[in-house]
Each structure stands twice: as structure tokens, then as C-alpha cells.
PDB file of N, CA and C in Angstrom:
ATOM      1  N   MET A   1      82.403 100.466 117.655  1.00  0.00           N
ATOM      2  CA  MET A   1      83.740  99.953 117.849  1.00  0.00           C
ATOM      3  C   MET A   1      84.330  99.600 116.486  1.00  0.00           C
ATOM      4  N   GLY A   2      85.571  99.930 116.291  1.00  0.00           N
ATOM      5  CA  GLY A   2      86.274  99.572 115.071  1.00  0.00           C
ATOM      6  C   GLY A   2      87.627  98.976 115.430  1.00  0.00           C
ATOM      7  N   LEU A   3      88.090  98.061 114.625  1.00  0.00           N
ATOM      8  CA  LEU A   3      89.402  97.456 114.863  1.00  0.00           C
ATOM      9  C   LEU A   3      90.451  98.259 114.124  1.00  0.00           C
ATOM     10  N   ASP A   4      91.607  98.435 114.766  1.00  0.00           N
ATOM     11  CA  ASP A   4      92.653  99.255 114.194  1.00  0.00           C
ATOM     12  C   ASP A   4      94.011  98.709 114.629  1.00  0.00           C
ATOM     13  N   ALA A   5      95.027  98.952 113.812  1.00  0.00           N
ATOM     14  CA  ALA A   5      96.417  98.626 114.145  1.00  0.00           C
ATOM     15  C   ALA A   5      96.617  97.142 114.463  1.00  0.00           C
ATOM     16  N   MET A   6      96.063  96.268 113.644  1.00  0.00           N
ATOM     17  CA  MET A   6      96.207  94.831 113.869  1.00  0.00           C
ATOM     18  C   MET A   6      97.652  94.401 113.639  1.00  0.00           C
ATOM     19  N   TRP A   7      98.083  93.370 114.370  1.00  0.00           N
ATOM     20  CA  TRP A   7      99.428  92.832 114.163  1.00  0.00           C
ATOM     21  C   TRP A   7      99.432  91.345 114.465  1.00  0.00           C
ATOM     22  N   VAL A   8     100.450  90.642 113.925  1.00  0.00           N
ATOM     23  CA  VAL A   8     100.626  89.205 114.146  1.00  0.00           C
ATOM     24  C   VAL A   8     101.829  89.023 115.044  1.00  0.00           C
ATOM     25  N   SER A   9     101.657  88.269 116.134  1.00  0.00           N
ATOM     26  CA  SER A   9     102.741  87.995 117.072  1.00  0.00           C
ATOM     27  C   SER A   9     102.392  86.752 117.867  1.00  0.00           C
ATOM     28  N   ASP A  10     103.393  85.954 118.173  1.00  0.00           N
ATOM     29  CA  ASP A  10     103.201  84.755 119.000  1.00  0.00           C
ATOM     30  C   ASP A  10     102.111  83.838 118.459  1.00  0.00           C
ATOM     31  N   GLY A  11     102.051  83.678 117.132  1.00  0.00           N
ATOM     32  CA  GLY A  11     101.086  82.768 116.520  1.00  0.00           C
ATOM     33  C   GLY A  11      99.641  83.217 116.600  1.00  0.00           C
ATOM     34  N   ALA A  12      99.415  84.517 116.728  1.00  0.00           N
ATOM     35  CA  ALA A  12      98.041  85.014 116.820  1.00  0.00           C
ATOM     36  C   ALA A  12      97.926  86.368 116.133  1.00  0.00           C
ATOM     37  N   LEU A  13      96.702  86.682 115.709  1.00  0.00           N
ATOM     38  CA  LEU A  13      96.375  87.997 115.187  1.00  0.00           C
ATOM     39  C   LEU A  13      95.789  88.797 116.343  1.00  0.00           C
ATOM     40  N   TRP A  14      96.414  89.925 116.678  1.00  0.00           N
ATOM     41  CA  TRP A  14      95.979  90.785 117.778  1.00  0.00           C
ATOM     42  C   TRP A  14      95.239  91.980 117.193  1.00  0.00           C
ATOM     43  N   MET A  15      94.078  92.321 117.783  1.00  0.00           N
ATOM     44  CA  MET A  15      93.234  93.385 117.246  1.00  0.00           C
ATOM     45  C   MET A  15      92.709  94.271 118.380  1.00  0.00           C
ATOM     46  N   PRO A  16      93.235  95.497 118.515  1.00  0.00           N
ATOM     47  CA  PRO A  16      92.692  96.404 119.527  1.00  0.00           C
ATOM     48  C   PRO A  16      91.439  97.103 119.002  1.00  0.00           C
ATOM     49  N   SER A  17      90.501  97.352 119.901  1.00  0.00           N
ATOM     50  CA  SER A  17      89.305  98.098 119.488  1.00  0.00           C
ATOM     51  C   SER A  17      89.579  99.583 119.684  1.00  0.00           C
ATOM     52  N   GLY A  18      89.450 100.342 118.595  1.00  0.00           N
ATOM     53  CA  GLY A  18      89.813 101.750 118.626  1.00  0.00           C
ATOM     54  C   GLY A  18      88.814 102.662 119.323  1.00  0.00           C
ATOM     55  N   GLN A  19      87.544 102.425 119.177  1.00  0.00           N
ATOM     56  CA  GLN A  19      86.474 103.228 119.756  1.00  0.00           C
ATOM     57  C   GLN A  19      86.546 104.701 119.361  1.00  0.00           C
ATOM     58  N   ILE A  20      87.144 105.000 118.199  1.00  0.00           N
ATOM     59  CA  ILE A  20      87.234 106.398 117.775  1.00  0.00           C
ATOM     60  C   ILE A  20      85.849 107.008 117.587  1.00  0.00           C
ATOM     61  N   ASN A  21      84.872 106.163 117.311  1.00  0.00           N
ATOM     62  CA  ASN A  21      83.500 106.653 117.148  1.00  0.00           C
ATOM     63  C   ASN A  21      82.896 107.137 118.467  1.00  0.00           C
ATOM     64  N   ARG A  22      83.592 106.928 119.582  1.00  0.00           N
ATOM     65  CA  ARG A  22      83.092 107.348 120.895  1.00  0.00           C
ATOM     66  C   ARG A  22      83.821 108.580 121.444  1.00  0.00           C
ATOM     67  N   THR A  23      84.682 109.202 120.638  1.00  0.00           N
ATOM     68  CA  THR A  23      85.444 110.360 121.099  1.00  0.00           C
ATOM     69  C   THR A  23      84.748 111.662 120.691  1.00  0.00           C
ATOM     70  N   PRO A  24      85.003 112.752 121.429  1.00  0.00           N
ATOM     71  CA  PRO A  24      84.364 114.033 121.102  1.00  0.00           C
ATOM     72  C   PRO A  24      84.639 114.509 119.676  1.00  0.00           C
ATOM     73  N   ALA A  25      85.782 114.124 119.109  1.00  0.00           N
ATOM     74  CA  ALA A  25      86.112 114.554 117.750  1.00  0.00           C
ATOM     75  C   ALA A  25      85.129 114.011 116.717  1.00  0.00           C
ATOM     76  N   THR A  26      84.488 112.895 117.015  1.00  0.00           N
ATOM     77  CA  THR A  26      83.570 112.291 116.047  1.00  0.00           C
ATOM     78  C   THR A  26      82.111 112.306 116.500  1.00  0.00           C
ATOM     79  N   THR A  27      81.846 112.875 117.664  1.00  0.00           N
ATOM     80  CA  THR A  27      80.465 112.909 118.161  1.00  0.00           C
ATOM     81  C   THR A  27      79.940 114.333 118.295  1.00  0.00           C
ATOM     82  N   GLY A  28      80.534 115.251 117.541  1.00  0.00           N
ATOM     83  CA  GLY A  28      80.066 116.625 117.576  1.00  0.00           C
ATOM     84  C   GLY A  28      80.369 117.335 118.885  1.00  0.00           C
ATOM     85  N   GLY A  29      81.429 116.924 119.566  1.00  0.00           N
ATOM     86  CA  GLY A  29      81.826 117.588 120.803  1.00  0.00           C
ATOM     87  C   GLY A  29      81.170 117.045 122.057  1.00  0.00           C
ATOM     88  N   LYS A  30      80.329 116.032 121.937  1.00  0.00           N
ATOM     89  CA  LYS A  30      79.697 115.425 123.116  1.00  0.00           C
ATOM     90  C   LYS A  30      80.782 114.748 123.960  1.00  0.00           C
ATOM     91  N   PRO A  31      80.549 114.569 125.261  1.00  0.00           N
ATOM     92  CA  PRO A  31      81.551 113.931 126.119  1.00  0.00           C
ATOM     93  C   PRO A  31      81.917 112.526 125.626  1.00  0.00           C
ATOM     94  N   SER A  32      83.148 112.150 125.902  1.00  0.00           N
ATOM     95  CA  SER A  32      83.648 110.835 125.488  1.00  0.00           C
ATOM     96  C   SER A  32      82.867 109.715 126.156  1.00  0.00           C
ATOM     97  N   THR A  33      82.584 108.670 125.391  1.00  0.00           N
ATOM     98  CA  THR A  33      81.934 107.476 125.947  1.00  0.00           C
ATOM     99  C   THR A  33      82.830 106.248 125.765  1.00  0.00           C
ATOM    100  N   VAL A  34      84.145 106.486 125.648  1.00  0.00           N
ATOM    101  CA  VAL A  34      85.101 105.387 125.503  1.00  0.00           C
ATOM    102  C   VAL A  34      85.011 104.506 126.738  1.00  0.00           C
ATOM    103  N   GLU A  35      84.951 103.201 126.527  1.00  0.00           N
ATOM    104  CA  GLU A  35      84.867 102.235 127.625  1.00  0.00           C
ATOM    105  C   GLU A  35      86.258 101.718 127.949  1.00  0.00           C
ATOM    106  N   TYR A  36      86.668 101.882 129.207  1.00  0.00           N
ATOM    107  CA  TYR A  36      87.967 101.387 129.665  1.00  0.00           C
ATOM    108  C   TYR A  36      87.767 100.174 130.536  1.00  0.00           C
ATOM    109  N   PRO A  37      88.672  99.221 130.554  1.00  0.00           N
ATOM    110  CA  PRO A  37      89.850  99.209 129.703  1.00  0.00           C
ATOM    111  C   PRO A  37      89.473  98.937 128.249  1.00  0.00           C
ATOM    112  N   VAL A  38      90.266  99.470 127.345  1.00  0.00           N
ATOM    113  CA  VAL A  38      90.038  99.246 125.920  1.00  0.00           C
ATOM    114  C   VAL A  38      90.198  97.756 125.648  1.00  0.00           C
ATOM    115  N   LYS A  39      89.367  97.225 124.815  1.00  0.00           N
ATOM    116  CA  LYS A  39      89.386  95.782 124.553  1.00  0.00           C
ATOM    117  C   LYS A  39      90.455  95.403 123.529  1.00  0.00           C
ATOM    118  N   LEU A  40      91.044  94.247 123.727  1.00  0.00           N
ATOM    119  CA  LEU A  40      92.052  93.693 122.837  1.00  0.00           C
ATOM    120  C   LEU A  40      91.629  92.264 122.519  1.00  0.00           C
ATOM    121  N   TYR A  41      91.461  91.980 121.238  1.00  0.00           N
ATOM    122  CA  TYR A  41      91.022  90.656 120.804  1.00  0.00           C
ATOM    123  C   TYR A  41      92.207  89.887 120.241  1.00  0.00           C
ATOM    124  N   ARG A  42      92.201  88.564 120.443  1.00  0.00           N
ATOM    125  CA  ARG A  42      93.279  87.693 119.975  1.00  0.00           C
ATOM    126  C   ARG A  42      92.665  86.524 119.218  1.00  0.00           C
ATOM    127  N   LEU A  43      93.148  86.292 117.987  1.00  0.00           N
ATOM    128  CA  LEU A  43      92.675  85.194 117.159  1.00  0.00           C
ATOM    129  C   LEU A  43      93.865  84.271 116.894  1.00  0.00           C
ATOM    130  N   PRO A  44      93.864  83.043 117.455  1.00  0.00           N
ATOM    131  CA  PRO A  44      94.977  82.119 117.203  1.00  0.00           C
ATOM    132  C   PRO A  44      95.076  81.793 115.715  1.00  0.00           C
ATOM    133  N   LEU A  45      96.309  81.734 115.215  1.00  0.00           N
ATOM    134  CA  LEU A  45      96.554  81.412 113.811  1.00  0.00           C
ATOM    135  C   LEU A  45      97.378  80.129 113.716  1.00  0.00           C
ATOM    136  N   PRO A  46      97.088  79.297 112.718  1.00  0.00           N
ATOM    137  CA  PRO A  46      97.848  78.043 112.552  1.00  0.00           C
ATOM    138  C   PRO A  46      99.164  78.304 111.809  1.00  0.00           C
ATOM    139  N   ILE A  47      99.999  79.182 112.360  1.00  0.00           N
ATOM    140  CA  ILE A  47     101.260  79.523 111.703  1.00  0.00           C
ATOM    141  C   ILE A  47     102.400  79.439 112.699  1.00  0.00           C
ATOM    142  N   LYS A  48     103.606  79.398 112.166  1.00  0.00           N
ATOM    143  CA  LYS A  48     104.812  79.425 112.987  1.00  0.00           C
ATOM    144  C   LYS A  48     105.669  80.591 112.502  1.00  0.00           C
ATOM    145  N   PRO A  49     106.556  81.097 113.365  1.00  0.00           N
ATOM    146  CA  PRO A  49     107.440  82.178 112.927  1.00  0.00           C
ATOM    147  C   PRO A  49     108.299  81.755 111.743  1.00  0.00           C
ATOM    148  N   SER A  50     108.612  82.691 110.897  1.00  0.00           N
ATOM    149  CA  SER A  50     109.481  82.448 109.763  1.00  0.00           C
ATOM    150  C   SER A  50     110.883  82.085 110.247  1.00  0.00           C
ATOM    151  N   PRO A  51     111.571  81.188 109.540  1.00  0.00           N
ATOM    152  CA  PRO A  51     112.950  80.885 109.918  1.00  0.00           C
ATOM    153  C   PRO A  51     113.827  82.133 109.873  1.00  0.00           C
ATOM    154  N   ARG A  52     113.443  83.117 109.086  1.00  0.00           N
ATOM    155  CA  ARG A  52     114.211  84.356 108.986  1.00  0.00           C
ATOM    156  C   ARG A  52     114.025  85.246 110.197  1.00  0.00           C
ATOM    157  N   SER A  53     113.025  84.976 111.028  1.00  0.00           N
ATOM    158  CA  SER A  53     112.764  85.856 112.164  1.00  0.00           C
ATOM    159  C   SER A  53     113.876  85.821 113.198  1.00  0.00           C
ATOM    160  N   SER A  54     114.729  84.804 113.150  1.00  0.00           N
ATOM    161  CA  SER A  54     115.834  84.726 114.101  1.00  0.00           C
ATOM    162  C   SER A  54     117.063  85.487 113.622  1.00  0.00           C
ATOM    163  N   ILE A  55     117.001  86.041 112.411  1.00  0.00           N
ATOM    164  CA  ILE A  55     118.117  86.809 111.872  1.00  0.00           C
ATOM    165  C   ILE A  55     118.158  88.175 112.534  1.00  0.00           C
ATOM    166  N   SER A  56     119.341  88.602 112.937  1.00  0.00           N
ATOM    167  CA  SER A  56     119.488  89.915 113.550  1.00  0.00           C
ATOM    168  C   SER A  56     119.324  90.995 112.490  1.00  0.00           C
ATOM    169  N   HIS A  57     118.483  91.973 112.761  1.00  0.00           N
ATOM    170  CA  HIS A  57     118.286  93.082 111.843  1.00  0.00           C
ATOM    171  C   HIS A  57     119.098  94.303 112.263  1.00  0.00           C
ATOM    172  N   ASN A  58     119.997  94.113 113.230  1.00  0.00           N
ATOM    173  CA  ASN A  58     120.809  95.217 113.728  1.00  0.00           C
ATOM    174  C   ASN A  58     122.190  95.210 113.084  1.00  0.00           C
ATOM    175  N   VAL A  59     122.300  94.642 111.906  1.00  0.00           N
ATOM    176  CA  VAL A  59     123.570  94.585 111.203  1.00  0.00           C
ATOM    177  C   VAL A  59     123.763  95.900 110.456  1.00  0.00           C
ATOM    178  N   PRO A  60     124.906  96.588 110.692  1.00  0.00           N
ATOM    179  CA  PRO A  60     125.114  97.861 109.974  1.00  0.00           C
ATOM    180  C   PRO A  60     125.246  97.631 108.476  1.00  0.00           C
ATOM    181  N   ILE A  61     124.740  98.569 107.702  1.00  0.00           N
ATOM    182  CA  ILE A  61     124.810  98.500 106.243  1.00  0.00           C
ATOM    183  C   ILE A  61     125.995  99.370 105.801  1.00  0.00           C
ATOM    184  N   LYS A  62     126.860  98.793 104.994  1.00  0.00           N
ATOM    185  CA  LYS A  62     128.027  99.528 104.513  1.00  0.00           C
ATOM    186  C   LYS A  62     127.647 100.372 103.297  1.00  0.00           C
ATOM    187  N   ALA A  63     128.139 101.600 103.287  1.00  0.00           N
ATOM    188  CA  ALA A  63     127.885 102.478 102.153  1.00  0.00           C
ATOM    189  C   ALA A  63     128.737 102.029 100.978  1.00  0.00           C
ATOM    190  N   ILE A  64     128.187 102.176  99.787  1.00  0.00           N
ATOM    191  CA  ILE A  64     128.915 101.778  98.574  1.00  0.00           C
ATOM    192  C   ILE A  64     129.606 102.984  97.986  1.00  0.00           C
TER     193      ILE A  64
END
């Protein structure tokens, strides 16, 4: 199992388990041994959202 595509949201670090080592592409063509449902780990972080996170990022940019 390997962790991949980690992200921070809602005061936690989220980590999905990729299991790429269990796919036919990495096992010489042997059948997949991926375990479903895929596991998702959550690590609470002592942080709060940035004050800038409430700023709208959908503001059009004017060409110069």
C-alpha cells in the first residue's frame, strides 16, 4: 500500500491508499488484488483555514 494524492481540508490531512502495487501493471500481469473499498486515512491537524480562503477566486482578470 502506498499513499498518494494527499490533501488538506476541514482541518485534517486526507490520505488515500493507492494500492498501485496490487494492479496487473505492476505485478507482471497477475490478477488484481486491490482491496475494496479503497482505504482513506484522516489525520486531524491543529490548523484553521486561512482568512484568505473566504475570498472568491472567480473574479475575472482584466487584460492589460
